[in-house]
Amino acid sequence: MQPHYRDGYIDGVHYYYDGSLLVFKELFHIQRGQCCGNGCRHCPFEIKHKKGSVVVSEEFRKFIDKEIENGSE
């Protein structure tokens, strides 16, 4: 299946659909830069679901390291 590109985001990488719901994945949230506080299913921040949190949990730091290696920072 070919990924869909929507506003620079890739279906299956940054988000996916669960029925009619658009569900954002960890990478989307990390690139956003902070927690929105909406109780997202894939919230990568510590403290989870606390609006304004910017500390990425250890489990998801691999996404940040990968971006730095690729020159995104």
Protein backbone atom coordinates (compact mmCIF):
# COMPACT_ATOMS: atom_id res chain seq x y z
CA MET A 1 0.00 0.00 0.00
CA GLN A 2 1.35 3.40 -0.99
CA PRO A 3 1.60 5.97 1.85
CA HIS A 4 -0.58 9.08 1.55
CA TYR A 5 1.07 12.44 2.03
CA ARG A 6 -1.06 15.07 3.72
CA ASP A 7 0.51 18.40 4.58
CA GLY A 8 3.95 16.77 4.83
CA TYR A 9 2.78 13.92 7.07
CA ILE A 10 2.79 10.27 6.04
CA ASP A 11 -0.14 7.93 6.65
CA GLY A 12 1.16 5.06 8.79
CA VAL A 13 4.20 7.01 10.00
CA HIS A 14 2.74 10.17 11.54
CA TYR A 15 -0.92 9.11 11.79
CA TYR A 16 -3.45 6.41 10.93
CA TYR A 17 -7.21 6.03 10.81
CA ASP A 18 -9.15 4.00 13.36
CA GLY A 19 -12.53 3.90 11.69
CA SER A 20 -13.39 7.56 11.15
CA LEU A 21 -10.92 8.78 13.80
CA LEU A 22 -7.57 10.28 12.84
CA VAL A 23 -5.02 8.97 15.36
CA PHE A 24 -1.65 10.71 15.62
CA LYS A 25 1.40 8.54 16.31
CA GLU A 26 4.40 9.27 18.52
CA LEU A 27 6.51 10.84 15.77
CA PHE A 28 3.80 13.41 14.99
CA HIS A 29 3.63 14.43 18.65
CA ILE A 30 7.41 14.65 19.01
CA GLN A 31 7.67 16.85 15.91
CA ARG A 32 4.84 19.01 17.31
CA GLY A 33 7.15 19.69 20.25
CA GLN A 34 4.86 19.50 23.27
CA CYS A 35 1.90 17.69 24.75
CA CYS A 36 -1.50 19.05 23.75
CA GLY A 37 -3.18 17.69 26.88
CA ASN A 38 -5.98 15.94 24.97
CA GLY A 39 -5.27 12.41 26.23
CA CYS A 40 -3.83 11.17 22.94
CA ARG A 41 -3.44 7.40 22.53
CA HIS A 42 0.23 7.64 21.54
CA CYS A 43 1.41 10.48 23.79
CA PRO A 44 5.22 10.19 24.05
CA PHE A 45 5.69 12.87 26.71
CA GLU A 46 6.34 12.70 30.43
CA ILE A 47 4.06 13.55 32.22
CA LYS A 48 1.51 11.96 29.86
CA HIS A 49 -1.48 14.06 28.86
CA LYS A 50 -0.26 17.18 30.67
CA LYS A 51 -0.57 20.15 28.35
CA GLY A 52 2.80 21.78 27.69
CA SER A 53 4.95 18.77 28.66
CA VAL A 54 8.09 18.78 26.51
CA VAL A 55 10.15 15.93 28.00
CA VAL A 56 10.00 12.89 25.72
CA SER A 57 9.93 9.58 27.59
CA GLU A 58 13.03 7.41 27.24
CA GLU A 59 11.06 4.86 25.22
CA PHE A 60 10.59 7.35 22.36
CA ARG A 61 13.93 9.19 22.34
CA LYS A 62 14.98 7.03 19.37
CA PHE A 63 12.80 9.27 17.16
CA ILE A 64 14.71 12.37 18.26
CA ASP A 65 18.10 10.68 17.82
CA LYS A 66 17.09 9.55 14.32
CA GLU A 67 16.06 13.11 13.33
CA ILE A 68 19.38 14.53 14.57
CA GLU A 69 21.29 11.88 12.58
CA ASN A 70 19.33 12.81 9.46
CA GLY A 71 20.11 16.51 9.92
CA SER A 72 16.58 17.61 10.79
CA GLU A 73 17.72 19.62 13.79
